[in-house]
Amino acid sequence: MALEDLSTLLMRVTRFCKAQSLPLPFFMVAQTGTKVMETINVGSMNSPYRIAEEVPAPIHLPGVLALLKHFGLHLKQHNTDYISDEVIHWHSWFGIHAANVAPSSA
């Protein structure tokens, strides 16, 4: 999701929560460069190579995190299954606050 689209979504969520007297969410799931296909992660964050049509995580994530911080939200990475230990260690460096791993069917 482009930063402009994410910003628009966050404004809409904020307006809705305020209008309904609801608390703002604590976490927001946003695209971080992970993508699970069957039993591998094929996203750009886990790839040593640039993936066509995708902005590399080191370029995209700082903008996402700054936008979420502006709205008082924390980033929850989706599709964390099957990423390397090295990528998990990057989470604190990037500033990713939480990660989602789907349950195994095995």
PDB file of N, CA and C in Angstrom:
ATOM      1  N   MET A   1       0.845  -1.170   0.000  1.00  0.00           N
ATOM      2  CA  MET A   1       0.000   0.000   0.000  1.00  0.00           C
ATOM      3  C   MET A   1       0.893   1.236   0.000  1.00  0.00           C
ATOM      4  N   ALA A   2       0.606   2.142  -0.893  1.00  0.00           N
ATOM      5  CA  ALA A   2       1.368   3.392  -0.970  1.00  0.00           C
ATOM      6  C   ALA A   2       1.139   4.218   0.291  1.00  0.00           C
ATOM      7  N   LEU A   3       2.119   5.022   0.649  1.00  0.00           N
ATOM      8  CA  LEU A   3       2.001   5.840   1.855  1.00  0.00           C
ATOM      9  C   LEU A   3       0.793   6.775   1.810  1.00  0.00           C
ATOM     10  N   GLU A   4       0.484   7.300   0.633  1.00  0.00           N
ATOM     11  CA  GLU A   4      -0.680   8.198   0.518  1.00  0.00           C
ATOM     12  C   GLU A   4      -1.964   7.436   0.833  1.00  0.00           C
ATOM     13  N   ASP A   5      -2.070   6.208   0.351  1.00  0.00           N
ATOM     14  CA  ASP A   5      -3.248   5.387   0.621  1.00  0.00           C
ATOM     15  C   ASP A   5      -3.336   5.022   2.101  1.00  0.00           C
ATOM     16  N   LEU A   6      -2.202   4.706   2.700  1.00  0.00           N
ATOM     17  CA  LEU A   6      -2.169   4.382   4.119  1.00  0.00           C
ATOM     18  C   LEU A   6      -2.573   5.597   4.951  1.00  0.00           C
ATOM     19  N   SER A   7      -2.089   6.764   4.575  1.00  0.00           N
ATOM     20  CA  SER A   7      -2.452   7.993   5.280  1.00  0.00           C
ATOM     21  C   SER A   7      -3.958   8.247   5.208  1.00  0.00           C
ATOM     22  N   THR A   8      -4.531   8.069   4.025  1.00  0.00           N
ATOM     23  CA  THR A   8      -5.977   8.247   3.850  1.00  0.00           C
ATOM     24  C   THR A   8      -6.749   7.263   4.726  1.00  0.00           C
ATOM     25  N   LEU A   9      -6.315   6.014   4.736  1.00  0.00           N
ATOM     26  CA  LEU A   9      -6.966   5.005   5.561  1.00  0.00           C
ATOM     27  C   LEU A   9      -6.891   5.369   7.038  1.00  0.00           C
ATOM     28  N   LEU A  10      -5.720   5.798   7.486  1.00  0.00           N
ATOM     29  CA  LEU A  10      -5.550   6.161   8.894  1.00  0.00           C
ATOM     30  C   LEU A  10      -6.412   7.364   9.276  1.00  0.00           C
ATOM     31  N   MET A  11      -6.546   8.319   8.388  1.00  0.00           N
ATOM     32  CA  MET A  11      -7.426   9.464   8.663  1.00  0.00           C
ATOM     33  C   MET A  11      -8.876   9.008   8.796  1.00  0.00           C
ATOM     34  N   ARG A  12      -9.298   8.104   7.917  1.00  0.00           N
ATOM     35  CA  ARG A  12     -10.677   7.597   7.961  1.00  0.00           C
ATOM     36  C   ARG A  12     -10.926   6.811   9.250  1.00  0.00           C
ATOM     37  N   VAL A  13      -9.982   5.969   9.634  1.00  0.00           N
ATOM     38  CA  VAL A  13     -10.124   5.194  10.868  1.00  0.00           C
ATOM     39  C   VAL A  13     -10.181   6.129  12.072  1.00  0.00           C
ATOM     40  N   THR A  14      -9.310   7.130  12.093  1.00  0.00           N
ATOM     41  CA  THR A  14      -9.284   8.091  13.198  1.00  0.00           C
ATOM     42  C   THR A  14     -10.618   8.840  13.300  1.00  0.00           C
ATOM     43  N   ARG A  15     -11.118   9.325  12.172  1.00  0.00           N
ATOM     44  CA  ARG A  15     -12.414  10.034  12.179  1.00  0.00           C
ATOM     45  C   ARG A  15     -13.544   9.128  12.659  1.00  0.00           C
ATOM     46  N   PHE A  16     -13.554   7.885  12.166  1.00  0.00           N
ATOM     47  CA  PHE A  16     -14.598   6.945  12.557  1.00  0.00           C
ATOM     48  C   PHE A  16     -14.552   6.683  14.061  1.00  0.00           C
ATOM     49  N   CYS A  17     -13.371   6.394  14.591  1.00  0.00           N
ATOM     50  CA  CYS A  17     -13.243   6.107  16.022  1.00  0.00           C
ATOM     51  C   CYS A  17     -13.690   7.295  16.866  1.00  0.00           C
ATOM     52  N   LYS A  18     -13.294   8.495  16.479  1.00  0.00           N
ATOM     53  CA  LYS A  18     -13.696   9.693  17.230  1.00  0.00           C
ATOM     54  C   LYS A  18     -15.203   9.907  17.149  1.00  0.00           C
ATOM     55  N   ALA A  19     -15.782   9.736  15.961  1.00  0.00           N
ATOM     56  CA  ALA A  19     -17.218   9.932  15.781  1.00  0.00           C
ATOM     57  C   ALA A  19     -18.032   8.915  16.582  1.00  0.00           C
ATOM     58  N   GLN A  20     -17.490   7.713  16.756  1.00  0.00           N
ATOM     59  CA  GLN A  20     -18.199   6.659  17.486  1.00  0.00           C
ATOM     60  C   GLN A  20     -17.764   6.562  18.948  1.00  0.00           C
ATOM     61  N   SER A  21     -16.931   7.493  19.378  1.00  0.00           N
ATOM     62  CA  SER A  21     -16.391   7.493  20.751  1.00  0.00           C
ATOM     63  C   SER A  21     -15.682   6.168  21.072  1.00  0.00           C
ATOM     64  N   LEU A  22     -14.932   5.692  20.114  1.00  0.00           N
ATOM     65  CA  LEU A  22     -14.157   4.461  20.279  1.00  0.00           C
ATOM     66  C   LEU A  22     -12.682   4.791  20.440  1.00  0.00           C
ATOM     67  N   PRO A  23     -11.951   3.958  21.169  1.00  0.00           N
ATOM     68  CA  PRO A  23     -10.500   4.188  21.259  1.00  0.00           C
ATOM     69  C   PRO A  23      -9.850   3.879  19.916  1.00  0.00           C
ATOM     70  N   LEU A  24      -8.760   4.547  19.643  1.00  0.00           N
ATOM     71  CA  LEU A  24      -8.000   4.230  18.432  1.00  0.00           C
ATOM     72  C   LEU A  24      -7.355   2.864  18.598  1.00  0.00           C
ATOM     73  N   PRO A  25      -7.148   2.155  17.503  1.00  0.00           N
ATOM     74  CA  PRO A  25      -6.435   0.872  17.611  1.00  0.00           C
ATOM     75  C   PRO A  25      -5.014   1.100  18.109  1.00  0.00           C
ATOM     76  N   PHE A  26      -4.436   0.064  18.691  1.00  0.00           N
ATOM     77  CA  PHE A  26      -3.058   0.138  19.165  1.00  0.00           C
ATOM     78  C   PHE A  26      -2.090  -0.243  18.054  1.00  0.00           C
ATOM     79  N   PHE A  27      -2.452  -1.282  17.267  1.00  0.00           N
ATOM     80  CA  PHE A  27      -1.617  -1.778  16.190  1.00  0.00           C
ATOM     81  C   PHE A  27      -2.277  -1.555  14.841  1.00  0.00           C
ATOM     82  N   MET A  28      -1.448  -1.431  13.825  1.00  0.00           N
ATOM     83  CA  MET A  28      -1.896  -1.385  12.435  1.00  0.00           C
ATOM     84  C   MET A  28      -1.041  -2.376  11.672  1.00  0.00           C
ATOM     85  N   VAL A  29      -1.668  -3.199  10.872  1.00  0.00           N
ATOM     86  CA  VAL A  29      -0.938  -4.099   9.996  1.00  0.00           C
ATOM     87  C   VAL A  29      -0.711  -3.362   8.685  1.00  0.00           C
ATOM     88  N   ALA A  30       0.522  -3.318   8.246  1.00  0.00           N
ATOM     89  CA  ALA A  30       0.853  -2.642   6.985  1.00  0.00           C
ATOM     90  C   ALA A  30       1.865  -3.485   6.226  1.00  0.00           C
ATOM     91  N   GLN A  31       1.941  -3.263   4.934  1.00  0.00           N
ATOM     92  CA  GLN A  31       2.870  -4.012   4.083  1.00  0.00           C
ATOM     93  C   GLN A  31       4.307  -3.698   4.481  1.00  0.00           C
ATOM     94  N   THR A  32       5.061  -4.765   4.741  1.00  0.00           N
ATOM     95  CA  THR A  32       6.451  -4.590   5.160  1.00  0.00           C
ATOM     96  C   THR A  32       7.439  -5.287   4.238  1.00  0.00           C
ATOM     97  N   GLY A  33       6.936  -5.984   3.246  1.00  0.00           N
ATOM     98  CA  GLY A  33       7.833  -6.714   2.352  1.00  0.00           C
ATOM     99  C   GLY A  33       7.858  -8.197   2.644  1.00  0.00           C
ATOM    100  N   THR A  34       6.832  -8.703   3.327  1.00  0.00           N
ATOM    101  CA  THR A  34       6.718 -10.135   3.562  1.00  0.00           C
ATOM    102  C   THR A  34       5.500 -10.658   2.816  1.00  0.00           C
ATOM    103  N   LYS A  35       5.597 -11.889   2.342  1.00  0.00           N
ATOM    104  CA  LYS A  35       4.479 -12.511   1.645  1.00  0.00           C
ATOM    105  C   LYS A  35       4.669 -14.023   1.697  1.00  0.00           C
ATOM    106  N   VAL A  36       3.671 -14.712   2.233  1.00  0.00           N
ATOM    107  CA  VAL A  36       3.741 -16.165   2.358  1.00  0.00           C
ATOM    108  C   VAL A  36       3.017 -16.817   1.184  1.00  0.00           C
ATOM    109  N   MET A  37       3.708 -17.763   0.574  1.00  0.00           N
ATOM    110  CA  MET A  37       3.106 -18.610  -0.463  1.00  0.00           C
ATOM    111  C   MET A  37       3.422 -20.052  -0.083  1.00  0.00           C
ATOM    112  N   GLU A  38       2.367 -20.772   0.281  1.00  0.00           N
ATOM    113  CA  GLU A  38       2.483 -22.147   0.750  1.00  0.00           C
ATOM    114  C   GLU A  38       3.399 -22.211   1.967  1.00  0.00           C
ATOM    115  N   THR A  39       4.586 -22.766   1.858  1.00  0.00           N
ATOM    116  CA  THR A  39       5.463 -22.896   3.027  1.00  0.00           C
ATOM    117  C   THR A  39       6.771 -22.129   2.880  1.00  0.00           C
ATOM    118  N   ILE A  40       6.748 -21.026   2.122  1.00  0.00           N
ATOM    119  CA  ILE A  40       7.923 -20.159   2.017  1.00  0.00           C
ATOM    120  C   ILE A  40       7.483 -18.700   2.054  1.00  0.00           C
ATOM    121  N   ASN A  41       8.395 -17.854   2.451  1.00  0.00           N
ATOM    122  CA  ASN A  41       8.135 -16.425   2.425  1.00  0.00           C
ATOM    123  C   ASN A  41       8.840 -15.866   1.202  1.00  0.00           C
ATOM    124  N   VAL A  42       8.073 -15.326   0.276  1.00  0.00           N
ATOM    125  CA  VAL A  42       8.622 -14.848  -0.994  1.00  0.00           C
ATOM    126  C   VAL A  42       8.692 -13.326  -1.069  1.00  0.00           C
ATOM    127  N   GLY A  43       8.450 -12.663   0.050  1.00  0.00           N
ATOM    128  CA  GLY A  43       8.456 -11.202   0.052  1.00  0.00           C
ATOM    129  C   GLY A  43       9.845 -10.616  -0.090  1.00  0.00           C
ATOM    130  N   SER A  44       9.884  -9.340  -0.408  1.00  0.00           N
ATOM    131  CA  SER A  44      11.159  -8.663  -0.642  1.00  0.00           C
ATOM    132  C   SER A  44      12.006  -8.565   0.614  1.00  0.00           C
ATOM    133  N   MET A  45      11.390  -8.565   1.800  1.00  0.00           N
ATOM    134  CA  MET A  45      12.168  -8.458   3.026  1.00  0.00           C
ATOM    135  C   MET A  45      13.038  -9.694   3.238  1.00  0.00           C
ATOM    136  N   ASN A  46      12.579 -10.828   2.783  1.00  0.00           N
ATOM    137  CA  ASN A  46      13.302 -12.077   2.979  1.00  0.00           C
ATOM    138  C   ASN A  46      14.163 -12.454   1.772  1.00  0.00           C
ATOM    139  N   SER A  47      14.160 -11.630   0.743  1.00  0.00           N
ATOM    140  CA  SER A  47      14.890 -11.935  -0.479  1.00  0.00           C
ATOM    141  C   SER A  47      16.195 -11.148  -0.560  1.00  0.00           C
ATOM    142  N   PRO A  48      17.278 -11.800  -0.973  1.00  0.00           N
ATOM    143  CA  PRO A  48      18.531 -11.067  -1.145  1.00  0.00           C
ATOM    144  C   PRO A  48      18.540 -10.229  -2.424  1.00  0.00           C
ATOM    145  N   TYR A  49      17.473 -10.364  -3.234  1.00  0.00           N
ATOM    146  CA  TYR A  49      17.405  -9.659  -4.514  1.00  0.00           C
ATOM    147  C   TYR A  49      16.222  -8.711  -4.533  1.00  0.00           C
ATOM    148  N   ARG A  50      16.324  -7.689  -5.326  1.00  0.00           N
ATOM    149  CA  ARG A  50      15.226  -6.743  -5.522  1.00  0.00           C
ATOM    150  C   ARG A  50      14.114  -7.439  -6.277  1.00  0.00           C
ATOM    151  N   ILE A  51      12.875  -7.229  -5.838  1.00  0.00           N
ATOM    152  CA  ILE A  51      11.714  -7.810  -6.492  1.00  0.00           C
ATOM    153  C   ILE A  51      11.015  -6.713  -7.287  1.00  0.00           C
ATOM    154  N   ALA A  52      10.788  -6.994  -8.570  1.00  0.00           N
ATOM    155  CA  ALA A  52      10.138  -6.017  -9.449  1.00  0.00           C
ATOM    156  C   ALA A  52       8.806  -5.585  -8.867  1.00  0.00           C
ATOM    157  N   GLU A  53       8.494  -4.292  -9.020  1.00  0.00           N
ATOM    158  CA  GLU A  53       7.226  -3.712  -8.574  1.00  0.00           C
ATOM    159  C   GLU A  53       7.138  -3.528  -7.060  1.00  0.00           C
ATOM    160  N   GLU A  54       8.198  -3.824  -6.299  1.00  0.00           N
ATOM    161  CA  GLU A  54       8.179  -3.658  -4.845  1.00  0.00           C
ATOM    162  C   GLU A  54       9.282  -2.691  -4.418  1.00  0.00           C
ATOM    163  N   VAL A  55       8.913  -1.802  -3.522  1.00  0.00           N
ATOM    164  CA  VAL A  55       9.902  -0.902  -2.929  1.00  0.00           C
ATOM    165  C   VAL A  55      10.611  -1.691  -1.835  1.00  0.00           C
ATOM    166  N   PRO A  56      11.938  -1.711  -1.808  1.00  0.00           N
ATOM    167  CA  PRO A  56      12.656  -2.467  -0.783  1.00  0.00           C
ATOM    168  C   PRO A  56      12.276  -2.000   0.631  1.00  0.00           C
ATOM    169  N   ALA A  57      12.216  -2.951   1.546  1.00  0.00           N
ATOM    170  CA  ALA A  57      11.821  -2.664   2.928  1.00  0.00           C
ATOM    171  C   ALA A  57      12.626  -1.525   3.566  1.00  0.00           C
ATOM    172  N   PRO A  58      13.958  -1.463   3.394  1.00  0.00           N
ATOM    173  CA  PRO A  58      14.700  -0.365   4.037  1.00  0.00           C
ATOM    174  C   PRO A  58      14.283   1.025   3.541  1.00  0.00           C
ATOM    175  N   ILE A  59      13.666   1.093   2.383  1.00  0.00           N
ATOM    176  CA  ILE A  59      13.195   2.379   1.855  1.00  0.00           C
ATOM    177  C   ILE A  59      11.750   2.624   2.271  1.00  0.00           C
ATOM    178  N   HIS A  60      10.909   1.600   2.216  1.00  0.00           N
ATOM    179  CA  HIS A  60       9.479   1.728   2.479  1.00  0.00           C
ATOM    180  C   HIS A  60       9.139   1.824   3.969  1.00  0.00           C
ATOM    181  N   LEU A  61       9.775   1.008   4.802  1.00  0.00           N
ATOM    182  CA  LEU A  61       9.403   0.920   6.213  1.00  0.00           C
ATOM    183  C   LEU A  61       9.565   2.209   7.012  1.00  0.00           C
ATOM    184  N   PRO A  62      10.637   2.973   6.845  1.00  0.00           N
ATOM    185  CA  PRO A  62      10.737   4.206   7.635  1.00  0.00           C
ATOM    186  C   PRO A  62       9.554   5.150   7.409  1.00  0.00           C
ATOM    187  N   GLY A  63       9.068   5.238   6.185  1.00  0.00           N
ATOM    188  CA  GLY A  63       7.904   6.082   5.903  1.00  0.00           C
ATOM    189  C   GLY A  63       6.648   5.554   6.562  1.00  0.00           C
ATOM    190  N   VAL A  64       6.459   4.235   6.507  1.00  0.00           N
ATOM    191  CA  VAL A  64       5.300   3.610   7.154  1.00  0.00           C
ATOM    192  C   VAL A  64       5.351   3.857   8.656  1.00  0.00           C
ATOM    193  N   LEU A  65       6.504   3.615   9.257  1.00  0.00           N
ATOM    194  CA  LEU A  65       6.646   3.791  10.703  1.00  0.00           C
ATOM    195  C   LEU A  65       6.449   5.239  11.129  1.00  0.00           C
ATOM    196  N   ALA A  66       6.953   6.180  10.355  1.00  0.00           N
ATOM    197  CA  ALA A  66       6.755   7.604  10.686  1.00  0.00           C
ATOM    198  C   ALA A  66       5.284   7.979  10.612  1.00  0.00           C
ATOM    199  N   LEU A  67       4.595   7.473   9.610  1.00  0.00           N
ATOM    200  CA  LEU A  67       3.173   7.758   9.458  1.00  0.00           C
ATOM    201  C   LEU A  67       2.377   7.160  10.619  1.00  0.00           C
ATOM    202  N   LEU A  68       2.672   5.923  10.975  1.00  0.00           N
ATOM    203  CA  LEU A  68       1.976   5.299  12.097  1.00  0.00           C
ATOM    204  C   LEU A  68       2.257   6.033  13.400  1.00  0.00           C
ATOM    205  N   LYS A  69       3.493   6.455  13.585  1.00  0.00           N
ATOM    206  CA  LYS A  69       3.851   7.203  14.798  1.00  0.00           C
ATOM    207  C   LYS A  69       3.057   8.507  14.869  1.00  0.00           C
ATOM    208  N   HIS A  70       2.886   9.171  13.738  1.00  0.00           N
ATOM    209  CA  HIS A  70       2.105  10.410  13.683  1.00  0.00           C
ATOM    210  C   HIS A  70       0.677  10.181  14.191  1.00  0.00           C
ATOM    211  N   PHE A  71       0.125   9.004  13.894  1.00  0.00           N
ATOM    212  CA  PHE A  71      -1.231   8.679  14.324  1.00  0.00           C
ATOM    213  C   PHE A  71      -1.271   7.956  15.675  1.00  0.00           C
ATOM    214  N   GLY A  72      -0.114   7.771  16.300  1.00  0.00           N
ATOM    215  CA  GLY A  72      -0.050   7.125  17.610  1.00  0.00           C
ATOM    216  C   GLY A  72      -0.247   5.621  17.564  1.00  0.00           C
ATOM    217  N   LEU A  73       0.120   5.002  16.439  1.00  0.00           N
ATOM    218  CA  LEU A  73      -0.073   3.564  16.265  1.00  0.00           C
ATOM    219  C   LEU A  73       1.259   2.827  16.206  1.00  0.00           C
ATOM    220  N   HIS A  74       1.204   1.533  16.437  1.00  0.00           N
ATOM    221  CA  HIS A  74       2.368   0.660  16.364  1.00  0.00           C
ATOM    222  C   HIS A  74       2.214  -0.279  15.174  1.00  0.00           C
ATOM    223  N   LEU A  75       3.325  -0.664  14.587  1.00  0.00           N
ATOM    224  CA  LEU A  75       3.314  -1.544  13.420  1.00  0.00           C
ATOM    225  C   LEU A  75       3.336  -3.005  13.829  1.00  0.00           C
ATOM    226  N   LYS A  76       2.383  -3.762  13.288  1.00  0.00           N
ATOM    227  CA  LYS A  76       2.373  -5.218  13.426  1.00  0.00           C
ATOM    228  C   LYS A  76       2.605  -5.792  12.041  1.00  0.00           C
ATOM    229  N   GLN A  77       3.704  -6.507  11.903  1.00  0.00           N
ATOM    230  CA  GLN A  77       4.039  -7.116  10.609  1.00  0.00           C
ATOM    231  C   GLN A  77       3.208  -8.376  10.402  1.00  0.00           C
ATOM    232  N   HIS A  78       2.612  -8.474   9.254  1.00  0.00           N
ATOM    233  CA  HIS A  78       1.828  -9.645   8.887  1.00  0.00           C
ATOM    234  C   HIS A  78       2.699 -10.551   8.019  1.00  0.00           C
ATOM    235  N   ASN A  79       2.336 -11.796   7.877  1.00  0.00           N
ATOM    236  CA  ASN A  79       3.065 -12.754   7.039  1.00  0.00           C
ATOM    237  C   ASN A  79       4.511 -12.939   7.491  1.00  0.00           C
ATOM    238  N   THR A  80       4.698 -13.151   8.767  1.00  0.00           N
ATOM    239  CA  THR A  80       6.048 -13.329   9.302  1.00  0.00           C
ATOM    240  C   THR A  80       6.513 -14.780   9.222  1.00  0.00           C
ATOM    241  N   ASP A  81       5.613 -15.667   8.842  1.00  0.00           N
ATOM    242  CA  ASP A  81       5.967 -17.079   8.717  1.00  0.00           C
ATOM    243  C   ASP A  81       7.140 -17.264   7.758  1.00  0.00           C
ATOM    244  N   TYR A  82       8.024 -18.163   8.102  1.00  0.00           N
ATOM    245  CA  TYR A  82       9.100 -18.635   7.228  1.00  0.00           C
ATOM    246  C   TYR A  82      10.160 -17.592   6.877  1.00  0.00           C
ATOM    247  N   ILE A  83      10.211 -16.488   7.603  1.00  0.00           N
ATOM    248  CA  ILE A  83      11.306 -15.558   7.330  1.00  0.00           C
ATOM    249  C   ILE A  83      12.544 -16.013   8.098  1.00  0.00           C
ATOM    250  N   SER A  84      13.677 -15.580   7.644  1.00  0.00           N
ATOM    251  CA  SER A  84      14.942 -16.031   8.232  1.00  0.00           C
ATOM    252  C   SER A  84      15.161 -15.396   9.609  1.00  0.00           C
ATOM    253  N   ASP A  85      16.034 -16.024  10.388  1.00  0.00           N
ATOM    254  CA  ASP A  85      16.412 -15.467  11.692  1.00  0.00           C
ATOM    255  C   ASP A  85      17.014 -14.077  11.529  1.00  0.00           C
ATOM    256  N   GLU A  86      17.764 -13.895  10.453  1.00  0.00           N
ATOM    257  CA  GLU A  86      18.375 -12.591  10.187  1.00  0.00           C
ATOM    258  C   GLU A  86      17.306 -11.504  10.057  1.00  0.00           C
ATOM    259  N   VAL A  87      16.239 -11.804   9.336  1.00  0.00           N
ATOM    260  CA  VAL A  87      15.164 -10.830   9.159  1.00  0.00           C
ATOM    261  C   VAL A  87      14.470 -10.546  10.489  1.00  0.00           C
ATOM    262  N   ILE A  88      14.273 -11.574  11.303  1.00  0.00           N
ATOM    263  CA  ILE A  88      13.674 -11.371  12.636  1.00  0.00           C
ATOM    264  C   ILE A  88      14.532 -10.390  13.439  1.00  0.00           C
ATOM    265  N   HIS A  89      15.849 -10.513  13.352  1.00  0.00           N
ATOM    266  CA  HIS A  89      16.733  -9.587  14.066  1.00  0.00           C
ATOM    267  C   HIS A  89      16.617  -8.157  13.548  1.00  0.00           C
ATOM    268  N   TRP A  90      16.230  -7.997  12.293  1.00  0.00           N
ATOM    269  CA  TRP A  90      16.061  -6.658  11.730  1.00  0.00           C
ATOM    270  C   TRP A  90      14.868  -5.925  12.338  1.00  0.00           C
ATOM    271  N   HIS A  91      13.918  -6.667  12.896  1.00  0.00           N
ATOM    272  CA  HIS A  91      12.697  -6.031  13.414  1.00  0.00           C
ATOM    273  C   HIS A  91      13.002  -4.893  14.379  1.00  0.00           C
ATOM    274  N   SER A  92      13.891  -5.135  15.326  1.00  0.00           N
ATOM    275  CA  SER A  92      14.198  -4.068  16.291  1.00  0.00           C
ATOM    276  C   SER A  92      14.934  -2.919  15.612  1.00  0.00           C
ATOM    277  N   TRP A  93      15.764  -3.227  14.626  1.00  0.00           N
ATOM    278  CA  TRP A  93      16.478  -2.174  13.906  1.00  0.00           C
ATOM    279  C   TRP A  93      15.508  -1.304  13.125  1.00  0.00           C
ATOM    280  N   PHE A  94      14.551  -1.942  12.444  1.00  0.00           N
ATOM    281  CA  PHE A  94      13.543  -1.190  11.691  1.00  0.00           C
ATOM    282  C   PHE A  94      12.579  -0.450  12.611  1.00  0.00           C
ATOM    283  N   GLY A  95      12.255  -1.056  13.751  1.00  0.00           N
ATOM    284  CA  GLY A  95      11.257  -0.476  14.642  1.00  0.00           C
ATOM    285  C   GLY A  95       9.903  -1.148  14.526  1.00  0.00           C
ATOM    286  N   ILE A  96       9.869  -2.370  14.008  1.00  0.00           N
ATOM    287  CA  ILE A  96       8.624  -3.138  13.940  1.00  0.00           C
ATOM    288  C   ILE A  96       8.280  -3.568  15.358  1.00  0.00           C
ATOM    289  N   HIS A  97       7.050  -3.305  15.768  1.00  0.00           N
ATOM    290  CA  HIS A  97       6.650  -3.521  17.153  1.00  0.00           C
ATOM    291  C   HIS A  97       6.141  -4.922  17.453  1.00  0.00           C
ATOM    292  N   ALA A  98       5.557  -5.601  16.463  1.00  0.00           N
ATOM    293  CA  ALA A  98       4.994  -6.931  16.681  1.00  0.00           C
ATOM    294  C   ALA A  98       4.945  -7.669  15.351  1.00  0.00           C
ATOM    295  N   ALA A  99       4.767  -8.978  15.426  1.00  0.00           N
ATOM    296  CA  ALA A  99       4.712  -9.784  14.211  1.00  0.00           C
ATOM    297  C   ALA A  99       3.640 -10.849  14.359  1.00  0.00           C
ATOM    298  N   ASN A 100       3.008 -11.168  13.263  1.00  0.00           N
ATOM    299  CA  ASN A 100       1.962 -12.181  13.219  1.00  0.00           C
ATOM    300  C   ASN A 100       2.490 -13.419  12.497  1.00  0.00           C
ATOM    301  N   VAL A 101       2.279 -14.558  13.125  1.00  0.00           N
ATOM    302  CA  VAL A 101       2.628 -15.836  12.513  1.00  0.00           C
ATOM    303  C   VAL A 101       1.356 -16.677  12.520  1.00  0.00           C
ATOM    304  N   ALA A 102       0.978 -17.191  11.372  1.00  0.00           N
ATOM    305  CA  ALA A 102      -0.241 -17.990  11.269  1.00  0.00           C
ATOM    306  C   ALA A 102      -0.033 -19.351  11.923  1.00  0.00           C
ATOM    307  N   PRO A 103      -1.106 -19.954  12.406  1.00  0.00           N
ATOM    308  CA  PRO A 103      -0.963 -21.297  12.993  1.00  0.00           C
ATOM    309  C   PRO A 103      -0.605 -22.328  11.927  1.00  0.00           C
ATOM    310  N   SER A 104       0.144 -23.306  12.338  1.00  0.00           N
ATOM    311  CA  SER A 104       0.566 -24.371  11.431  1.00  0.00           C
ATOM    312  C   SER A 104      -0.543 -25.393  11.288  1.00  0.00           C
ATOM    313  N   SER A 105      -0.670 -25.948  10.107  1.00  0.00           N
ATOM    314  CA  SER A 105      -1.676 -26.991   9.889  1.00  0.00           C
ATOM    315  C   SER A 105      -1.083 -28.380  10.088  1.00  0.00           C
ATOM    316  N   ALA A 106       0.213 -28.453  10.406  1.00  0.00           N
ATOM    317  CA  ALA A 106       0.871 -29.754  10.564  1.00  0.00           C
ATOM    318  C   ALA A 106       0.601 -30.342  11.926  1.00  0.00           C
TER     319      ALA A 106
END
